[in-house]
Amino acid sequence: MDRKIDDVELVPPKQFVPSLSDTVNKAVLKGMELNPKNRPQTMGEWLSLLQPPIPTTTVSPRYQKLQQFLAAGKWREADAETKRVMLQVAGREEWLDEDSINQFPCEDLRQIDGIWVQYSNGRFGFSVQKRIWQECGGKEDYETACRVADRVGWTKEGSWIDYDECTFTSKAPPGHLPLRSLFSWDDRYTWYGPGHYQSIFHIVLYDYCDEWALSLPSFASRLVNCNL
């Protein structure tokens, strides 16, 4: 969209103050989007835009493919690659269990999150999701997870959406991506028992017949512990 009002072009702030960094210039422009829906919706979201980008030289070779997908705006491919590398780091094949969640290396989380944050201009990433989770109460329970899901667009009219219904564009709600990092959403009704409810913030496995339930630690706890 052209930044014009009544055919008068709106000049980027860097033209007035050449010493501004590209990061600050982009953050100001994002905060001044003409369409209110495209602006950061919270102060925390806007402040995340001021995080300096990760230099390419600091990205581990393991995450270069993820970086390439994100740099090209291939959000769905980047989502699948995020899951693949996380399972590789954890030494798992299909999903992360309790031990792999609790022991997932903080440095790898920072690498993955930093790349997502950088190439989405602060819109996507684990740190963005954690901040939204905290704004929604910061509890590991069903109600909080549902509030988060409503905020990030993982639910529609009160129901959890299928993976193919997710939005793989830069216009997705803040925190919408990544999705498949921990569990395969399209297999969520067959994973580990007759049924379960899951998000990265709260995981409950349950059996209708035997009426038992098991709650696992959410990945949000690990994000907090790693100070992400």
C-alpha atoms as a PDB file:
ATOM      1  CA  MET A   1       0.000   0.000   0.000  1.00  0.00           C
ATOM      2  CA  ASP A   2       1.267   3.484  -0.894  1.00  0.00           C
ATOM      3  CA  ARG A   3       1.723   5.664   2.157  1.00  0.00           C
ATOM      4  CA  LYS A   4      -0.345   8.593   0.949  1.00  0.00           C
ATOM      5  CA  ILE A   5      -3.101  10.790   2.330  1.00  0.00           C
ATOM      6  CA  ASP A   6      -4.996  12.891  -0.209  1.00  0.00           C
ATOM      7  CA  ASP A   7      -2.266  12.067  -2.754  1.00  0.00           C
ATOM      8  CA  VAL A   8       0.389  13.495  -0.413  1.00  0.00           C
ATOM      9  CA  GLU A   9       3.158  10.975   0.152  1.00  0.00           C
ATOM     10  CA  LEU A  10       4.069  10.264   3.767  1.00  0.00           C
ATOM     11  CA  VAL A  11       7.832  10.453   4.114  1.00  0.00           C
ATOM     12  CA  PRO A  12       9.599   7.714   6.143  1.00  0.00           C
ATOM     13  CA  PRO A  13      11.164   9.034   9.355  1.00  0.00           C
ATOM     14  CA  LYS A  14      14.659   8.077   8.205  1.00  0.00           C
ATOM     15  CA  GLN A  15      14.459  10.738   5.529  1.00  0.00           C
ATOM     16  CA  PHE A  16      14.114  13.332   8.257  1.00  0.00           C
ATOM     17  CA  VAL A  17      16.648  11.714  10.604  1.00  0.00           C
ATOM     18  CA  PRO A  18      19.216   9.802   8.512  1.00  0.00           C
ATOM     19  CA  SER A  19      20.953   8.521  11.651  1.00  0.00           C
ATOM     20  CA  LEU A  20      17.948   6.317  12.506  1.00  0.00           C
ATOM     21  CA  SER A  21      18.671   2.610  12.211  1.00  0.00           C
ATOM     22  CA  ASP A  22      16.679   0.496   9.781  1.00  0.00           C
ATOM     23  CA  THR A  23      15.161  -1.344  12.747  1.00  0.00           C
ATOM     24  CA  VAL A  24      13.819   1.841  14.362  1.00  0.00           C
ATOM     25  CA  ASN A  25      12.645   3.175  10.993  1.00  0.00           C
ATOM     26  CA  LYS A  26      10.653  -0.020  10.320  1.00  0.00           C
ATOM     27  CA  ALA A  27       9.190  -0.024  13.838  1.00  0.00           C
ATOM     28  CA  VAL A  28       7.974   3.573  13.461  1.00  0.00           C
ATOM     29  CA  LEU A  29       6.488   2.836  10.034  1.00  0.00           C
ATOM     30  CA  LYS A  30       4.711  -0.230  11.419  1.00  0.00           C
ATOM     31  CA  GLY A  31       3.255   1.843  14.241  1.00  0.00           C
ATOM     32  CA  MET A  32       2.035   4.403  11.698  1.00  0.00           C
ATOM     33  CA  GLU A  33       0.316   1.951   9.343  1.00  0.00           C
ATOM     34  CA  LEU A  34      -2.687   3.666   7.761  1.00  0.00           C
ATOM     35  CA  ASN A  35      -4.879   0.632   8.415  1.00  0.00           C
ATOM     36  CA  PRO A  36      -5.223   0.218  12.210  1.00  0.00           C
ATOM     37  CA  LYS A  37      -5.457  -3.580  11.818  1.00  0.00           C
ATOM     38  CA  ASN A  38      -1.903  -3.647  10.461  1.00  0.00           C
ATOM     39  CA  ARG A  39      -0.450  -1.758  13.435  1.00  0.00           C
ATOM     40  CA  PRO A  40       0.957  -3.553  16.532  1.00  0.00           C
ATOM     41  CA  GLN A  41      -1.979  -4.233  18.822  1.00  0.00           C
ATOM     42  CA  THR A  42      -0.036  -3.961  22.094  1.00  0.00           C
ATOM     43  CA  MET A  43       2.959  -2.016  23.345  1.00  0.00           C
ATOM     44  CA  GLY A  44       4.816  -5.305  23.842  1.00  0.00           C
ATOM     45  CA  GLU A  45       4.247  -6.258  20.213  1.00  0.00           C
ATOM     46  CA  TRP A  46       5.585  -2.896  19.035  1.00  0.00           C
ATOM     47  CA  LEU A  47       8.620  -3.074  21.327  1.00  0.00           C
ATOM     48  CA  SER A  48       9.482  -6.472  19.880  1.00  0.00           C
ATOM     49  CA  LEU A  49      10.011  -4.727  16.535  1.00  0.00           C
ATOM     50  CA  LEU A  50      12.937  -2.877  18.079  1.00  0.00           C
ATOM     51  CA  GLN A  51      14.884  -6.080  18.679  1.00  0.00           C
ATOM     52  CA  PRO A  52      18.011  -5.990  16.512  1.00  0.00           C
ATOM     53  CA  PRO A  53      18.052  -8.587  13.722  1.00  0.00           C
ATOM     54  CA  ILE A  54      20.231 -11.647  14.144  1.00  0.00           C
ATOM     55  CA  PRO A  55      23.303 -11.391  11.905  1.00  0.00           C
ATOM     56  CA  THR A  56      23.467 -14.220   9.369  1.00  0.00           C
ATOM     57  CA  THR A  57      26.865 -15.283  10.705  1.00  0.00           C
ATOM     58  CA  THR A  58      25.380 -16.142  14.120  1.00  0.00           C
ATOM     59  CA  VAL A  59      22.797 -18.578  12.748  1.00  0.00           C
ATOM     60  CA  SER A  60      23.778 -22.185  13.288  1.00  0.00           C
ATOM     61  CA  PRO A  61      24.081 -24.263  10.080  1.00  0.00           C
ATOM     62  CA  ARG A  62      21.262 -26.391  11.463  1.00  0.00           C
ATOM     63  CA  TYR A  63      18.881 -23.430  11.081  1.00  0.00           C
ATOM     64  CA  GLN A  64      20.021 -22.026   7.769  1.00  0.00           C
ATOM     65  CA  LYS A  65      17.266 -23.807   5.857  1.00  0.00           C
ATOM     66  CA  LEU A  66      14.706 -22.349   8.254  1.00  0.00           C
ATOM     67  CA  GLN A  67      16.254 -18.944   7.708  1.00  0.00           C
ATOM     68  CA  GLN A  68      16.020 -19.353   3.931  1.00  0.00           C
ATOM     69  CA  PHE A  69      12.335 -20.287   4.075  1.00  0.00           C
ATOM     70  CA  LEU A  70      11.509 -17.318   6.293  1.00  0.00           C
ATOM     71  CA  ALA A  71      13.572 -14.893   4.249  1.00  0.00           C
ATOM     72  CA  ALA A  72      11.590 -16.016   1.186  1.00  0.00           C
ATOM     73  CA  GLY A  73       8.262 -15.646   2.988  1.00  0.00           C
ATOM     74  CA  LYS A  74       7.565 -19.385   2.735  1.00  0.00           C
ATOM     75  CA  TRP A  75       5.716 -19.547   6.040  1.00  0.00           C
ATOM     76  CA  ARG A  76       4.240 -23.033   5.728  1.00  0.00           C
ATOM     77  CA  GLU A  77       7.574 -24.551   4.735  1.00  0.00           C
ATOM     78  CA  ALA A  78       9.250 -22.701   7.601  1.00  0.00           C
ATOM     79  CA  ASP A  79       6.667 -24.069  10.010  1.00  0.00           C
ATOM     80  CA  ALA A  80       7.342 -27.647   8.923  1.00  0.00           C
ATOM     81  CA  GLU A  81      11.094 -27.053   9.050  1.00  0.00           C
ATOM     82  CA  THR A  82      10.781 -25.700  12.600  1.00  0.00           C
ATOM     83  CA  LYS A  83       9.137 -28.913  13.707  1.00  0.00           C
ATOM     84  CA  ARG A  84      11.756 -31.008  11.915  1.00  0.00           C
ATOM     85  CA  VAL A  85      14.758 -29.294  13.486  1.00  0.00           C
ATOM     86  CA  MET A  86      13.198 -29.253  16.957  1.00  0.00           C
ATOM     87  CA  LEU A  87      12.592 -32.989  16.828  1.00  0.00           C
ATOM     88  CA  GLN A  88      16.163 -33.424  15.583  1.00  0.00           C
ATOM     89  CA  VAL A  89      17.569 -31.385  18.470  1.00  0.00           C
ATOM     90  CA  ALA A  90      15.474 -33.332  20.976  1.00  0.00           C
ATOM     91  CA  GLY A  91      16.349 -36.696  19.428  1.00  0.00           C
ATOM     92  CA  ARG A  92      12.674 -37.461  18.882  1.00  0.00           C
ATOM     93  CA  GLU A  93      10.853 -38.810  15.830  1.00  0.00           C
ATOM     94  CA  GLU A  94       7.251 -37.602  16.044  1.00  0.00           C
ATOM     95  CA  TRP A  95       6.513 -35.485  19.111  1.00  0.00           C
ATOM     96  CA  LEU A  96       8.131 -34.002  22.195  1.00  0.00           C
ATOM     97  CA  ASP A  97       7.555 -35.795  25.486  1.00  0.00           C
ATOM     98  CA  GLU A  98       7.847 -34.402  29.009  1.00  0.00           C
ATOM     99  CA  ASP A  99      11.607 -34.907  29.286  1.00  0.00           C
ATOM    100  CA  SER A 100      12.371 -33.396  25.890  1.00  0.00           C
ATOM    101  CA  ILE A 101      10.230 -30.354  26.715  1.00  0.00           C
ATOM    102  CA  ASN A 102      11.959 -29.804  30.046  1.00  0.00           C
ATOM    103  CA  GLN A 103      15.443 -30.325  28.602  1.00  0.00           C
ATOM    104  CA  PHE A 104      15.139 -28.572  25.265  1.00  0.00           C
ATOM    105  CA  PRO A 105      18.287 -26.399  24.925  1.00  0.00           C
ATOM    106  CA  CYS A 106      17.618 -22.718  25.590  1.00  0.00           C
ATOM    107  CA  GLU A 107      20.168 -21.612  23.002  1.00  0.00           C
ATOM    108  CA  ASP A 108      18.353 -23.558  20.281  1.00  0.00           C
ATOM    109  CA  LEU A 109      15.068 -21.988  21.332  1.00  0.00           C
ATOM    110  CA  ARG A 110      16.655 -18.540  21.079  1.00  0.00           C
ATOM    111  CA  GLN A 111      18.022 -19.310  17.622  1.00  0.00           C
ATOM    112  CA  ILE A 112      14.670 -20.523  16.313  1.00  0.00           C
ATOM    113  CA  ASP A 113      12.730 -17.707  17.933  1.00  0.00           C
ATOM    114  CA  GLY A 114      15.207 -15.036  16.811  1.00  0.00           C
ATOM    115  CA  ILE A 115      14.945 -16.089  13.178  1.00  0.00           C
ATOM    116  CA  TRP A 116      11.149 -16.116  13.279  1.00  0.00           C
ATOM    117  CA  VAL A 117      11.016 -12.717  14.991  1.00  0.00           C
ATOM    118  CA  GLN A 118      13.514 -11.189  12.588  1.00  0.00           C
ATOM    119  CA  TYR A 119      11.900 -12.252   9.331  1.00  0.00           C
ATOM    120  CA  SER A 120       8.330 -11.608  10.491  1.00  0.00           C
ATOM    121  CA  ASN A 121       9.211  -8.116  11.760  1.00  0.00           C
ATOM    122  CA  GLY A 122       8.270  -9.153  15.277  1.00  0.00           C
ATOM    123  CA  ARG A 123       4.955 -10.722  14.320  1.00  0.00           C
ATOM    124  CA  PHE A 124       5.723 -14.428  14.812  1.00  0.00           C
ATOM    125  CA  GLY A 125       7.883 -16.522  17.130  1.00  0.00           C
ATOM    126  CA  PHE A 126       7.850 -18.300  20.484  1.00  0.00           C
ATOM    127  CA  SER A 127       8.657 -15.109  22.398  1.00  0.00           C
ATOM    128  CA  VAL A 128       5.666 -13.405  20.773  1.00  0.00           C
ATOM    129  CA  GLN A 129       3.435 -16.326  21.750  1.00  0.00           C
ATOM    130  CA  LYS A 130       4.812 -16.325  25.287  1.00  0.00           C
ATOM    131  CA  ARG A 131       4.102 -12.610  25.665  1.00  0.00           C
ATOM    132  CA  ILE A 132       0.513 -13.105  24.476  1.00  0.00           C
ATOM    133  CA  TRP A 133       0.146 -16.037  26.875  1.00  0.00           C
ATOM    134  CA  GLN A 134       1.303 -13.822  29.736  1.00  0.00           C
ATOM    135  CA  GLU A 135      -1.093 -11.069  28.683  1.00  0.00           C
ATOM    136  CA  CYS A 136      -3.888 -13.660  28.773  1.00  0.00           C
ATOM    137  CA  GLY A 137      -3.084 -14.612  32.378  1.00  0.00           C
ATOM    138  CA  GLY A 138       0.034 -16.756  32.086  1.00  0.00           C
ATOM    139  CA  LYS A 139      -1.590 -19.906  33.486  1.00  0.00           C
ATOM    140  CA  GLU A 140      -1.219 -23.444  32.150  1.00  0.00           C
ATOM    141  CA  ASP A 141      -4.896 -24.266  32.022  1.00  0.00           C
ATOM    142  CA  TYR A 142      -7.611 -24.777  29.452  1.00  0.00           C
ATOM    143  CA  GLU A 143      -9.207 -21.364  29.863  1.00  0.00           C
ATOM    144  CA  THR A 144      -5.927 -19.491  29.346  1.00  0.00           C
ATOM    145  CA  ALA A 145      -5.022 -21.638  26.356  1.00  0.00           C
ATOM    146  CA  CYS A 146      -8.391 -20.853  24.780  1.00  0.00           C
ATOM    147  CA  ARG A 147      -7.901 -17.122  25.318  1.00  0.00           C
ATOM    148  CA  VAL A 148      -4.490 -17.361  23.661  1.00  0.00           C
ATOM    149  CA  ALA A 149      -5.929 -19.390  20.788  1.00  0.00           C
ATOM    150  CA  ASP A 150      -8.576 -16.723  20.204  1.00  0.00           C
ATOM    151  CA  ARG A 151      -5.901 -14.009  20.154  1.00  0.00           C
ATOM    152  CA  VAL A 152      -3.542 -15.764  17.744  1.00  0.00           C
ATOM    153  CA  GLY A 153      -6.209 -17.220  15.453  1.00  0.00           C
ATOM    154  CA  TRP A 154      -5.977 -20.904  16.312  1.00  0.00           C
ATOM    155  CA  THR A 155      -9.731 -21.071  16.895  1.00  0.00           C
ATOM    156  CA  LYS A 156     -12.710 -20.042  14.812  1.00  0.00           C
ATOM    157  CA  GLU A 157     -16.144 -19.532  16.317  1.00  0.00           C
ATOM    158  CA  GLY A 158     -14.986 -21.316  19.452  1.00  0.00           C
ATOM    159  CA  SER A 159     -13.571 -24.414  17.737  1.00  0.00           C
ATOM    160  CA  TRP A 160      -9.935 -25.305  17.131  1.00  0.00           C
ATOM    161  CA  ILE A 161      -9.135 -25.064  13.430  1.00  0.00           C
ATOM    162  CA  ASP A 162      -7.487 -27.774  11.346  1.00  0.00           C
ATOM    163  CA  TYR A 163      -3.922 -27.263  10.211  1.00  0.00           C
ATOM    164  CA  ASP A 164      -4.944 -26.551   6.610  1.00  0.00           C
ATOM    165  CA  GLU A 165      -7.176 -23.731   7.850  1.00  0.00           C
ATOM    166  CA  CYS A 166      -4.236 -21.882   9.380  1.00  0.00           C
ATOM    167  CA  THR A 167      -3.003 -18.644   7.820  1.00  0.00           C
ATOM    168  CA  PHE A 168       0.417 -18.925   6.225  1.00  0.00           C
ATOM    169  CA  THR A 169       0.932 -15.294   5.291  1.00  0.00           C
ATOM    170  CA  SER A 170       2.521 -12.267   6.919  1.00  0.00           C
ATOM    171  CA  LYS A 171      -0.999 -10.973   7.586  1.00  0.00           C
ATOM    172  CA  ALA A 172      -1.791 -13.768  10.060  1.00  0.00           C
ATOM    173  CA  PRO A 173      -2.568 -12.556  13.586  1.00  0.00           C
ATOM    174  CA  PRO A 174       0.483 -11.889  15.786  1.00  0.00           C
ATOM    175  CA  GLY A 175       1.655 -15.141  17.378  1.00  0.00           C
ATOM    176  CA  HIS A 176      -0.154 -17.336  14.827  1.00  0.00           C
ATOM    177  CA  LEU A 177       3.118 -18.981  13.793  1.00  0.00           C
ATOM    178  CA  PRO A 178       4.953 -21.280  14.331  1.00  0.00           C
ATOM    179  CA  LEU A 179       2.346 -24.003  14.745  1.00  0.00           C
ATOM    180  CA  ARG A 180       3.734 -27.486  14.160  1.00  0.00           C
ATOM    181  CA  SER A 181       6.825 -27.191  16.298  1.00  0.00           C
ATOM    182  CA  LEU A 182       5.713 -29.439  19.131  1.00  0.00           C
ATOM    183  CA  PHE A 183       2.892 -31.611  17.866  1.00  0.00           C
ATOM    184  CA  SER A 184       1.331 -32.440  14.533  1.00  0.00           C
ATOM    185  CA  TRP A 185      -1.984 -30.609  14.538  1.00  0.00           C
ATOM    186  CA  ASP A 186      -3.399 -32.706  11.711  1.00  0.00           C
ATOM    187  CA  ASP A 187      -2.823 -35.853  13.825  1.00  0.00           C
ATOM    188  CA  ARG A 188      -4.012 -34.391  17.096  1.00  0.00           C
ATOM    189  CA  TYR A 189      -7.059 -36.656  17.400  1.00  0.00           C
ATOM    190  CA  THR A 190      -5.089 -39.888  17.148  1.00  0.00           C
ATOM    191  CA  TRP A 191      -1.983 -39.016  19.139  1.00  0.00           C
ATOM    192  CA  TYR A 192      -1.356 -40.810  22.436  1.00  0.00           C
ATOM    193  CA  GLY A 193      -4.724 -42.291  23.266  1.00  0.00           C
ATOM    194  CA  PRO A 194      -8.390 -41.905  22.345  1.00  0.00           C
ATOM    195  CA  GLY A 195      -8.322 -38.119  22.512  1.00  0.00           C
ATOM    196  CA  HIS A 196      -6.564 -35.082  23.856  1.00  0.00           C
ATOM    197  CA  TYR A 197      -6.524 -31.313  24.008  1.00  0.00           C
ATOM    198  CA  GLN A 198      -3.300 -29.550  23.225  1.00  0.00           C
ATOM    199  CA  SER A 199      -1.558 -26.288  22.592  1.00  0.00           C
ATOM    200  CA  ILE A 200       1.965 -25.176  23.390  1.00  0.00           C
ATOM    201  CA  PHE A 201       0.517 -23.703  26.577  1.00  0.00           C
ATOM    202  CA  HIS A 202      -1.509 -26.590  27.984  1.00  0.00           C
ATOM    203  CA  ILE A 203      -1.640 -30.294  27.150  1.00  0.00           C
ATOM    204  CA  VAL A 204      -4.209 -32.698  28.562  1.00  0.00           C
ATOM    205  CA  LEU A 205      -4.496 -36.337  27.567  1.00  0.00           C
ATOM    206  CA  TYR A 206      -7.748 -38.059  28.417  1.00  0.00           C
ATOM    207  CA  ASP A 207      -9.643 -41.319  27.999  1.00  0.00           C
ATOM    208  CA  TYR A 208     -13.421 -41.097  27.864  1.00  0.00           C
ATOM    209  CA  CYS A 209     -14.042 -44.697  28.945  1.00  0.00           C
ATOM    210  CA  ASP A 210     -11.631 -44.963  31.863  1.00  0.00           C
ATOM    211  CA  GLU A 211     -12.197 -41.315  32.870  1.00  0.00           C
ATOM    212  CA  TRP A 212      -8.549 -40.549  33.532  1.00  0.00           C
ATOM    213  CA  ALA A 213      -6.670 -37.396  32.655  1.00  0.00           C
ATOM    214  CA  LEU A 214      -2.985 -36.529  32.566  1.00  0.00           C
ATOM    215  CA  SER A 215      -1.682 -32.985  32.304  1.00  0.00           C
ATOM    216  CA  LEU A 216       1.821 -32.495  30.899  1.00  0.00           C
ATOM    217  CA  PRO A 217       4.032 -29.425  31.380  1.00  0.00           C
ATOM    218  CA  SER A 218       3.475 -26.954  28.593  1.00  0.00           C
ATOM    219  CA  PHE A 219       6.215 -25.558  26.423  1.00  0.00           C
ATOM    220  CA  ALA A 220       5.416 -22.131  27.833  1.00  0.00           C
ATOM    221  CA  SER A 221       7.182 -23.176  31.047  1.00  0.00           C
ATOM    222  CA  ARG A 222      10.325 -23.896  29.105  1.00  0.00           C
ATOM    223  CA  LEU A 223      10.121 -20.512  27.364  1.00  0.00           C
ATOM    224  CA  VAL A 224       9.876 -18.829  30.763  1.00  0.00           C
ATOM    225  CA  ASN A 225      12.773 -20.846  32.181  1.00  0.00           C
ATOM    226  CA  CYS A 226      14.912 -19.933  29.182  1.00  0.00           C
ATOM    227  CA  ASN A 227      13.995 -16.264  29.621  1.00  0.00           C
ATOM    228  CA  LEU A 228      12.863 -16.099  26.018  1.00  0.00           C
END
